[in-house]
Amino acid sequence: MKTSKYWVDKLCLLPHPEGGYFKEIYRSAEKVCSKSLPTRFKGDRSFSTSIYFLLEKGQFSAFHRIKSDEIWHFYDGDPLTVYVIDSDGELIQYKLGLDPETNTLPQVTIPANCWFASESNGEFTLSGCTVSPGFDFEDFEMGDRDTLLSKYPNLKEIILRYTMD
């Protein structure tokens, strides 16, 4: 099995603001005109984007949300847990990996505007994320610990664990 260092080096991954490492690998040349998009988008967007994303043991992807659906794909390493706060304020846990017997699936979709965080369940997880309409940092919001705690007090433990000070 390859190591996280192998993948970081071979794929030229860089530190991600939410935690872990990433590299954009695709951004469609064609765009969707802003007038054809829902009003939550300010400006044109690529049809689709995708990245490699790697988390090592001890790292986590902090709670954040984006304005598009995001599809996660499993590539290598250990399974990953994605924690999602859905539109009703309920916590959902998805397992990304290759063991359907334990509901650990090779692909999961996170709906637009849901808060989500993730962590590898072992030494590392190499995954990919596809976003459509394409990702733009203007559509990215990092979760503020105090704001999330006031909105979802029943999720205090997980919010404290997966937000940055």
N, C-alpha and C. Protein backbone atom coordinates (compact mmCIF):
# COMPACT_ATOMS: atom_id res chain seq x y z
N MET A 1 0.83 -1.19 0.00
CA MET A 1 0.00 0.00 0.00
C MET A 1 0.88 1.25 0.00
N LYS A 2 0.49 2.24 -0.75
CA LYS A 2 1.21 3.52 -0.81
C LYS A 2 0.98 4.29 0.50
N THR A 3 1.87 5.25 0.78
CA THR A 3 1.75 6.08 1.98
C THR A 3 1.16 7.44 1.61
N SER A 4 0.78 8.19 2.63
CA SER A 4 0.28 9.54 2.37
C SER A 4 1.37 10.41 1.75
N LYS A 5 2.61 10.27 2.23
CA LYS A 5 3.71 11.06 1.67
C LYS A 5 3.88 10.76 0.18
N TYR A 6 3.76 9.50 -0.20
CA TYR A 6 3.85 9.13 -1.61
C TYR A 6 2.82 9.92 -2.42
N TRP A 7 1.57 9.91 -1.98
CA TRP A 7 0.51 10.59 -2.74
C TRP A 7 0.68 12.10 -2.74
N VAL A 8 1.06 12.68 -1.60
CA VAL A 8 1.29 14.13 -1.54
C VAL A 8 2.37 14.52 -2.54
N ASP A 9 3.47 13.75 -2.59
CA ASP A 9 4.57 14.05 -3.51
C ASP A 9 4.19 13.81 -4.96
N LYS A 10 3.63 12.64 -5.27
CA LYS A 10 3.34 12.27 -6.66
C LYS A 10 2.23 13.10 -7.28
N LEU A 11 1.26 13.52 -6.47
CA LEU A 11 0.15 14.31 -7.00
C LEU A 11 0.34 15.81 -6.80
N CYS A 12 1.48 16.19 -6.20
CA CYS A 12 1.80 17.61 -5.95
C CYS A 12 0.70 18.30 -5.15
N LEU A 13 0.28 17.64 -4.07
CA LEU A 13 -0.79 18.18 -3.24
C LEU A 13 -0.27 19.30 -2.35
N LEU A 14 -1.13 20.26 -2.08
CA LEU A 14 -0.80 21.43 -1.26
C LEU A 14 -1.73 21.49 -0.05
N PRO A 15 -1.32 22.17 1.02
CA PRO A 15 -2.21 22.31 2.18
C PRO A 15 -3.54 22.99 1.79
N HIS A 16 -4.64 22.47 2.33
CA HIS A 16 -5.97 23.03 2.07
C HIS A 16 -6.38 23.89 3.26
N PRO A 17 -7.06 25.03 3.03
CA PRO A 17 -7.46 25.91 4.15
C PRO A 17 -8.35 25.23 5.19
N GLU A 18 -9.12 24.21 4.81
CA GLU A 18 -10.01 23.55 5.76
C GLU A 18 -9.33 22.37 6.45
N GLY A 19 -8.08 22.05 6.06
CA GLY A 19 -7.36 20.91 6.60
C GLY A 19 -7.01 19.92 5.51
N GLY A 20 -5.95 19.15 5.71
CA GLY A 20 -5.53 18.16 4.72
C GLY A 20 -4.78 18.78 3.55
N TYR A 21 -4.76 18.05 2.44
CA TYR A 21 -4.04 18.44 1.24
C TYR A 21 -4.96 18.31 0.03
N PHE A 22 -4.69 19.11 -1.00
CA PHE A 22 -5.53 19.04 -2.19
C PHE A 22 -4.77 19.51 -3.44
N LYS A 23 -5.37 19.23 -4.57
CA LYS A 23 -4.93 19.80 -5.84
C LYS A 23 -6.12 19.76 -6.79
N GLU A 24 -6.41 20.90 -7.39
CA GLU A 24 -7.46 20.92 -8.41
C GLU A 24 -6.92 20.18 -9.63
N ILE A 25 -7.72 19.25 -10.15
CA ILE A 25 -7.28 18.48 -11.31
C ILE A 25 -8.15 18.69 -12.53
N TYR A 26 -9.31 19.31 -12.33
CA TYR A 26 -10.18 19.58 -13.47
C TYR A 26 -11.04 20.80 -13.20
N ARG A 27 -11.15 21.64 -14.20
CA ARG A 27 -12.07 22.78 -14.22
C ARG A 27 -12.57 22.88 -15.66
N SER A 28 -13.84 22.66 -15.86
CA SER A 28 -14.37 22.69 -17.23
C SER A 28 -14.12 24.05 -17.87
N ALA A 29 -13.82 24.02 -19.14
CA ALA A 29 -13.58 25.26 -19.88
C ALA A 29 -14.89 26.02 -20.10
N GLU A 30 -15.98 25.28 -20.18
CA GLU A 30 -17.27 25.93 -20.41
C GLU A 30 -17.86 26.39 -19.08
N LYS A 31 -18.66 27.45 -19.16
CA LYS A 31 -19.26 28.04 -17.96
C LYS A 31 -20.78 28.11 -18.09
N VAL A 32 -21.41 28.13 -16.92
CA VAL A 32 -22.83 28.38 -16.84
C VAL A 32 -22.98 29.87 -16.54
N CYS A 33 -23.77 30.56 -17.34
CA CYS A 33 -24.00 31.99 -17.16
C CYS A 33 -24.76 32.23 -15.85
N SER A 34 -24.39 33.27 -15.13
CA SER A 34 -24.99 33.54 -13.82
C SER A 34 -26.51 33.66 -13.89
N LYS A 35 -27.05 34.19 -14.98
CA LYS A 35 -28.51 34.34 -15.07
C LYS A 35 -29.22 32.99 -15.20
N SER A 36 -28.47 31.92 -15.50
CA SER A 36 -29.04 30.58 -15.59
C SER A 36 -28.89 29.79 -14.29
N LEU A 37 -28.19 30.37 -13.31
CA LEU A 37 -27.95 29.71 -12.03
C LEU A 37 -28.92 30.22 -10.97
N PRO A 38 -29.11 29.46 -9.90
CA PRO A 38 -29.90 29.97 -8.77
C PRO A 38 -29.28 31.25 -8.23
N THR A 39 -30.08 32.06 -7.58
CA THR A 39 -29.63 33.38 -7.11
C THR A 39 -28.53 33.30 -6.05
N ARG A 40 -28.30 32.13 -5.43
CA ARG A 40 -27.24 32.03 -4.42
C ARG A 40 -25.84 32.18 -5.04
N PHE A 41 -25.74 32.02 -6.36
CA PHE A 41 -24.46 32.18 -7.06
C PHE A 41 -24.35 33.59 -7.60
N LYS A 42 -23.22 34.22 -7.31
CA LYS A 42 -22.95 35.58 -7.79
C LYS A 42 -21.89 35.49 -8.88
N GLY A 43 -22.32 35.37 -10.11
CA GLY A 43 -21.38 35.30 -11.22
C GLY A 43 -21.45 33.95 -11.92
N ASP A 44 -20.76 33.86 -13.04
CA ASP A 44 -20.70 32.63 -13.83
C ASP A 44 -19.93 31.56 -13.05
N ARG A 45 -20.20 30.29 -13.37
CA ARG A 45 -19.49 29.17 -12.76
C ARG A 45 -19.13 28.16 -13.84
N SER A 46 -18.00 27.50 -13.64
CA SER A 46 -17.64 26.38 -14.51
C SER A 46 -18.72 25.31 -14.38
N PHE A 47 -18.89 24.53 -15.46
CA PHE A 47 -19.86 23.43 -15.39
C PHE A 47 -19.53 22.52 -14.21
N SER A 48 -18.23 22.19 -14.05
CA SER A 48 -17.82 21.23 -13.03
C SER A 48 -16.34 21.44 -12.70
N THR A 49 -15.97 21.05 -11.47
CA THR A 49 -14.58 21.05 -11.04
C THR A 49 -14.33 19.78 -10.25
N SER A 50 -13.05 19.39 -10.15
CA SER A 50 -12.71 18.26 -9.28
C SER A 50 -11.32 18.45 -8.70
N ILE A 51 -11.15 17.86 -7.50
CA ILE A 51 -9.86 17.92 -6.81
C ILE A 51 -9.49 16.54 -6.28
N TYR A 52 -8.19 16.35 -6.04
CA TYR A 52 -7.73 15.29 -5.17
C TYR A 52 -7.76 15.88 -3.77
N PHE A 53 -8.06 15.05 -2.77
CA PHE A 53 -8.10 15.51 -1.39
C PHE A 53 -7.57 14.40 -0.50
N LEU A 54 -6.62 14.73 0.37
CA LEU A 54 -5.98 13.74 1.22
C LEU A 54 -5.98 14.22 2.67
N LEU A 55 -6.40 13.34 3.57
CA LEU A 55 -6.30 13.59 5.00
C LEU A 55 -5.41 12.53 5.62
N GLU A 56 -4.48 12.97 6.46
CA GLU A 56 -3.63 12.06 7.21
C GLU A 56 -4.20 11.87 8.60
N LYS A 57 -3.74 10.82 9.28
CA LYS A 57 -4.14 10.57 10.66
C LYS A 57 -3.88 11.82 11.49
N GLY A 58 -4.86 12.22 12.26
CA GLY A 58 -4.71 13.40 13.11
C GLY A 58 -5.18 14.69 12.46
N GLN A 59 -5.39 14.68 11.15
CA GLN A 59 -5.92 15.85 10.45
C GLN A 59 -7.43 15.70 10.30
N PHE A 60 -8.10 16.81 10.11
CA PHE A 60 -9.51 16.76 9.76
C PHE A 60 -9.84 17.90 8.82
N SER A 61 -10.89 17.71 8.08
CA SER A 61 -11.46 18.77 7.26
C SER A 61 -12.52 19.43 8.12
N ALA A 62 -12.32 20.70 8.45
CA ALA A 62 -13.21 21.42 9.36
C ALA A 62 -14.58 21.67 8.73
N PHE A 63 -15.58 21.84 9.60
CA PHE A 63 -16.92 22.13 9.10
C PHE A 63 -16.89 23.35 8.18
N HIS A 64 -17.48 23.16 7.03
CA HIS A 64 -17.60 24.21 6.03
C HIS A 64 -18.80 23.86 5.16
N ARG A 65 -19.18 24.79 4.31
CA ARG A 65 -20.25 24.50 3.36
C ARG A 65 -19.97 25.24 2.07
N ILE A 66 -20.55 24.71 1.00
CA ILE A 66 -20.45 25.35 -0.30
C ILE A 66 -21.84 25.41 -0.92
N LYS A 67 -21.99 26.16 -1.97
CA LYS A 67 -23.29 26.41 -2.57
C LYS A 67 -23.69 25.39 -3.62
N SER A 68 -22.85 24.39 -3.86
CA SER A 68 -23.11 23.34 -4.85
C SER A 68 -23.12 21.98 -4.17
N ASP A 69 -23.69 20.99 -4.85
CA ASP A 69 -23.54 19.61 -4.40
C ASP A 69 -22.07 19.20 -4.58
N GLU A 70 -21.58 18.35 -3.69
CA GLU A 70 -20.20 17.86 -3.78
C GLU A 70 -20.22 16.34 -3.70
N ILE A 71 -19.63 15.69 -4.69
CA ILE A 71 -19.56 14.23 -4.74
C ILE A 71 -18.15 13.82 -4.34
N TRP A 72 -18.05 12.96 -3.32
CA TRP A 72 -16.77 12.44 -2.85
C TRP A 72 -16.54 11.05 -3.43
N HIS A 73 -15.29 10.78 -3.84
CA HIS A 73 -14.90 9.50 -4.42
C HIS A 73 -13.72 8.95 -3.62
N PHE A 74 -13.73 7.67 -3.33
CA PHE A 74 -12.64 7.03 -2.60
C PHE A 74 -11.59 6.51 -3.58
N TYR A 75 -10.29 6.76 -3.28
CA TYR A 75 -9.21 6.29 -4.14
C TYR A 75 -8.25 5.32 -3.45
N ASP A 76 -7.76 5.66 -2.25
CA ASP A 76 -6.75 4.81 -1.61
C ASP A 76 -6.71 5.10 -0.11
N GLY A 77 -6.10 4.17 0.62
CA GLY A 77 -5.91 4.34 2.06
C GLY A 77 -7.05 3.73 2.85
N ASP A 78 -7.33 4.35 3.98
CA ASP A 78 -8.35 3.87 4.91
C ASP A 78 -9.67 4.59 4.65
N PRO A 79 -10.77 4.00 5.13
CA PRO A 79 -12.06 4.68 4.99
C PRO A 79 -12.05 6.05 5.67
N LEU A 80 -12.99 6.87 5.27
CA LEU A 80 -13.13 8.25 5.75
C LEU A 80 -14.56 8.41 6.23
N THR A 81 -14.75 9.17 7.31
CA THR A 81 -16.10 9.53 7.74
C THR A 81 -16.35 10.98 7.38
N VAL A 82 -17.50 11.22 6.74
CA VAL A 82 -17.95 12.58 6.44
C VAL A 82 -19.15 12.85 7.35
N TYR A 83 -19.05 13.92 8.13
CA TYR A 83 -20.11 14.33 9.05
C TYR A 83 -20.87 15.48 8.40
N VAL A 84 -22.18 15.33 8.25
CA VAL A 84 -23.01 16.33 7.57
C VAL A 84 -24.11 16.79 8.51
N ILE A 85 -24.26 18.10 8.64
CA ILE A 85 -25.42 18.67 9.33
C ILE A 85 -26.40 19.04 8.23
N ASP A 86 -27.51 18.30 8.16
CA ASP A 86 -28.44 18.51 7.05
C ASP A 86 -29.32 19.74 7.28
N SER A 87 -30.20 20.02 6.34
CA SER A 87 -31.02 21.24 6.38
C SER A 87 -31.98 21.25 7.58
N ASP A 88 -32.24 20.09 8.19
CA ASP A 88 -33.09 20.02 9.38
C ASP A 88 -32.27 20.06 10.67
N GLY A 89 -30.95 20.23 10.56
CA GLY A 89 -30.09 20.27 11.73
C GLY A 89 -29.74 18.91 12.29
N GLU A 90 -30.01 17.86 11.52
CA GLU A 90 -29.68 16.49 11.94
C GLU A 90 -28.27 16.13 11.49
N LEU A 91 -27.56 15.37 12.30
CA LEU A 91 -26.22 14.91 11.95
C LEU A 91 -26.32 13.58 11.22
N ILE A 92 -25.72 13.52 10.04
CA ILE A 92 -25.65 12.30 9.24
C ILE A 92 -24.17 11.96 9.08
N GLN A 93 -23.83 10.67 9.20
CA GLN A 93 -22.46 10.22 8.99
C GLN A 93 -22.42 9.32 7.78
N TYR A 94 -21.54 9.66 6.84
CA TYR A 94 -21.30 8.82 5.67
C TYR A 94 -19.92 8.20 5.81
N LYS A 95 -19.79 6.96 5.40
CA LYS A 95 -18.49 6.30 5.37
C LYS A 95 -18.08 6.17 3.90
N LEU A 96 -16.89 6.68 3.58
CA LEU A 96 -16.34 6.61 2.24
C LEU A 96 -15.25 5.56 2.22
N GLY A 97 -15.38 4.56 1.37
CA GLY A 97 -14.40 3.49 1.29
C GLY A 97 -14.94 2.37 0.43
N LEU A 98 -14.42 1.16 0.65
CA LEU A 98 -14.76 0.04 -0.23
C LEU A 98 -15.29 -1.17 0.52
N ASP A 99 -16.27 -0.97 1.39
CA ASP A 99 -16.85 -2.10 2.11
C ASP A 99 -18.36 -1.92 2.20
N PRO A 100 -19.08 -2.24 1.11
CA PRO A 100 -20.53 -2.05 1.13
C PRO A 100 -21.24 -2.87 2.20
N GLU A 101 -20.61 -3.94 2.70
CA GLU A 101 -21.22 -4.75 3.77
C GLU A 101 -21.41 -3.93 5.04
N THR A 102 -20.57 -2.92 5.25
CA THR A 102 -20.67 -2.04 6.42
C THR A 102 -21.18 -0.65 6.04
N ASN A 103 -21.80 -0.54 4.87
CA ASN A 103 -22.31 0.72 4.33
C ASN A 103 -21.19 1.75 4.15
N THR A 104 -19.99 1.27 3.85
CA THR A 104 -18.84 2.11 3.52
C THR A 104 -18.72 2.08 2.00
N LEU A 105 -19.12 3.19 1.37
CA LEU A 105 -19.32 3.21 -0.08
C LEU A 105 -18.24 4.00 -0.80
N PRO A 106 -17.96 3.69 -2.08
CA PRO A 106 -16.91 4.38 -2.82
C PRO A 106 -17.28 5.78 -3.27
N GLN A 107 -18.55 6.16 -3.09
CA GLN A 107 -18.98 7.50 -3.50
C GLN A 107 -20.11 7.97 -2.59
N VAL A 108 -20.03 9.22 -2.12
CA VAL A 108 -21.12 9.83 -1.36
C VAL A 108 -21.32 11.26 -1.85
N THR A 109 -22.55 11.74 -1.75
CA THR A 109 -22.87 13.09 -2.20
C THR A 109 -23.32 13.94 -1.02
N ILE A 110 -22.73 15.12 -0.91
CA ILE A 110 -23.08 16.09 0.12
C ILE A 110 -23.93 17.17 -0.55
N PRO A 111 -25.17 17.36 -0.11
CA PRO A 111 -26.03 18.37 -0.73
C PRO A 111 -25.50 19.79 -0.51
N ALA A 112 -25.81 20.65 -1.45
CA ALA A 112 -25.44 22.07 -1.36
C ALA A 112 -25.93 22.67 -0.05
N ASN A 113 -25.15 23.58 0.50
CA ASN A 113 -25.48 24.39 1.67
C ASN A 113 -25.54 23.62 2.99
N CYS A 114 -25.12 22.36 3.01
CA CYS A 114 -25.04 21.61 4.26
C CYS A 114 -23.64 21.78 4.85
N TRP A 115 -23.57 21.91 6.16
CA TRP A 115 -22.27 21.94 6.83
C TRP A 115 -21.70 20.54 6.84
N PHE A 116 -20.40 20.40 6.52
CA PHE A 116 -19.80 19.07 6.57
C PHE A 116 -18.32 19.15 6.95
N ALA A 117 -17.86 18.06 7.57
CA ALA A 117 -16.48 17.90 8.01
C ALA A 117 -16.11 16.44 7.78
N SER A 118 -14.81 16.14 7.80
CA SER A 118 -14.41 14.75 7.58
C SER A 118 -13.10 14.43 8.29
N GLU A 119 -12.89 13.11 8.46
CA GLU A 119 -11.66 12.63 9.10
C GLU A 119 -11.39 11.21 8.61
N SER A 120 -10.11 10.91 8.37
CA SER A 120 -9.71 9.56 8.00
C SER A 120 -9.88 8.64 9.20
N ASN A 121 -10.26 7.39 8.94
CA ASN A 121 -10.41 6.40 10.00
C ASN A 121 -9.16 5.56 10.18
N GLY A 122 -8.04 6.02 9.63
CA GLY A 122 -6.80 5.26 9.74
C GLY A 122 -5.61 6.17 9.51
N GLU A 123 -4.59 5.64 8.83
CA GLU A 123 -3.36 6.39 8.58
C GLU A 123 -3.55 7.54 7.60
N PHE A 124 -4.35 7.31 6.55
CA PHE A 124 -4.66 8.37 5.59
C PHE A 124 -5.80 7.92 4.69
N THR A 125 -6.41 8.91 4.04
CA THR A 125 -7.42 8.64 3.02
C THR A 125 -7.15 9.56 1.84
N LEU A 126 -7.04 8.97 0.65
CA LEU A 126 -6.97 9.74 -0.59
C LEU A 126 -8.34 9.64 -1.24
N SER A 127 -8.93 10.79 -1.48
CA SER A 127 -10.25 10.85 -2.10
C SER A 127 -10.23 11.90 -3.19
N GLY A 128 -11.35 12.02 -3.85
CA GLY A 128 -11.55 13.07 -4.83
C GLY A 128 -12.90 13.71 -4.57
N CYS A 129 -13.03 14.97 -4.95
CA CYS A 129 -14.29 15.69 -4.79
C CYS A 129 -14.64 16.36 -6.10
N THR A 130 -15.87 16.14 -6.55
CA THR A 130 -16.38 16.74 -7.78
C THR A 130 -17.52 17.67 -7.41
N VAL A 131 -17.48 18.89 -7.92
CA VAL A 131 -18.47 19.91 -7.59
C VAL A 131 -19.12 20.41 -8.87
N SER A 132 -20.46 20.54 -8.82
CA SER A 132 -21.20 21.06 -9.97
C SER A 132 -22.42 21.81 -9.48
N PRO A 133 -22.65 23.08 -9.94
CA PRO A 133 -21.74 23.90 -10.71
C PRO A 133 -20.39 24.00 -10.01
N GLY A 134 -19.37 24.25 -10.81
CA GLY A 134 -18.00 24.19 -10.34
C GLY A 134 -17.70 25.03 -9.12
N PHE A 135 -16.71 24.56 -8.35
CA PHE A 135 -16.29 25.22 -7.12
C PHE A 135 -15.70 26.59 -7.42
N ASP A 136 -16.03 27.54 -6.56
CA ASP A 136 -15.44 28.87 -6.56
C ASP A 136 -15.30 29.25 -5.09
N PHE A 137 -14.13 29.78 -4.68
CA PHE A 137 -13.94 30.12 -3.27
C PHE A 137 -14.97 31.14 -2.78
N GLU A 138 -15.60 31.87 -3.69
CA GLU A 138 -16.66 32.80 -3.29
C GLU A 138 -17.86 32.03 -2.70
N ASP A 139 -18.00 30.76 -3.06
CA ASP A 139 -19.11 29.93 -2.60
C ASP A 139 -18.76 29.13 -1.34
N PHE A 140 -17.57 29.32 -0.80
CA PHE A 140 -17.04 28.55 0.33
C PHE A 140 -17.22 29.34 1.62
N GLU A 141 -17.73 28.69 2.65
CA GLU A 141 -17.86 29.32 3.96
C GLU A 141 -17.33 28.37 5.03
N MET A 142 -16.30 28.80 5.74
CA MET A 142 -15.75 28.03 6.85
C MET A 142 -16.68 28.19 8.04
N GLY A 143 -16.95 27.10 8.73
CA GLY A 143 -17.84 27.14 9.87
C GLY A 143 -17.22 27.87 11.05
N ASP A 144 -17.95 28.82 11.59
CA ASP A 144 -17.53 29.53 12.79
C ASP A 144 -18.05 28.75 14.00
N ARG A 145 -17.14 28.38 14.89
CA ARG A 145 -17.49 27.54 16.03
C ARG A 145 -18.66 28.10 16.84
N ASP A 146 -18.58 29.37 17.23
CA ASP A 146 -19.63 29.95 18.08
C ASP A 146 -20.97 30.01 17.36
N THR A 147 -20.97 30.34 16.09
CA THR A 147 -22.20 30.40 15.32
C THR A 147 -22.84 29.02 15.20
N LEU A 148 -22.02 28.01 14.89
CA LEU A 148 -22.55 26.65 14.77
C LEU A 148 -23.07 26.14 16.12
N LEU A 149 -22.35 26.43 17.21
CA LEU A 149 -22.80 26.00 18.53
C LEU A 149 -24.13 26.65 18.91
N SER A 150 -24.31 27.92 18.56
CA SER A 150 -25.58 28.58 18.91
C SER A 150 -26.73 28.04 18.07
N LYS A 151 -26.46 27.66 16.84
CA LYS A 151 -27.52 27.14 15.95
C LYS A 151 -27.83 25.67 16.22
N TYR A 152 -26.79 24.89 16.58
CA TYR A 152 -26.95 23.44 16.79
C TYR A 152 -26.38 23.02 18.14
N PRO A 153 -26.96 23.49 19.25
CA PRO A 153 -26.39 23.18 20.57
C PRO A 153 -26.38 21.67 20.87
N ASN A 154 -27.27 20.92 20.26
CA ASN A 154 -27.31 19.47 20.47
C ASN A 154 -26.12 18.75 19.83
N LEU A 155 -25.35 19.45 18.97
CA LEU A 155 -24.19 18.86 18.29
C LEU A 155 -22.88 19.42 18.82
N LYS A 156 -22.89 19.86 20.08
CA LYS A 156 -21.73 20.53 20.66
C LYS A 156 -20.44 19.73 20.52
N GLU A 157 -20.48 18.45 20.87
CA GLU A 157 -19.26 17.64 20.88
C GLU A 157 -18.61 17.58 19.49
N ILE A 158 -19.41 17.32 18.47
CA ILE A 158 -18.86 17.18 17.12
C ILE A 158 -18.42 18.53 16.56
N ILE A 159 -19.16 19.59 16.89
CA ILE A 159 -18.77 20.93 16.43
C ILE A 159 -17.45 21.35 17.07
N LEU A 160 -17.28 21.09 18.36
CA LEU A 160 -16.01 21.41 19.02
C LEU A 160 -14.86 20.63 18.41
N ARG A 161 -15.10 19.38 18.07
CA ARG A 161 -14.04 18.53 17.50
C ARG A 161 -13.63 18.95 16.09
N TYR A 162 -14.60 19.37 15.27
CA TYR A 162 -14.33 19.61 13.85
C TYR A 162 -14.47 21.06 13.41
N THR A 163 -14.16 21.99 14.30
CA THR A 163 -14.02 23.40 13.93
C THR A 163 -12.67 23.89 14.41
N MET A 164 -12.22 24.96 13.79
CA MET A 164 -10.93 25.55 14.18
C MET A 164 -11.19 26.69 15.14
N ASP A 165 -10.25 26.86 16.07
CA ASP A 165 -10.39 27.93 17.08
C ASP A 165 -10.49 29.28 16.43
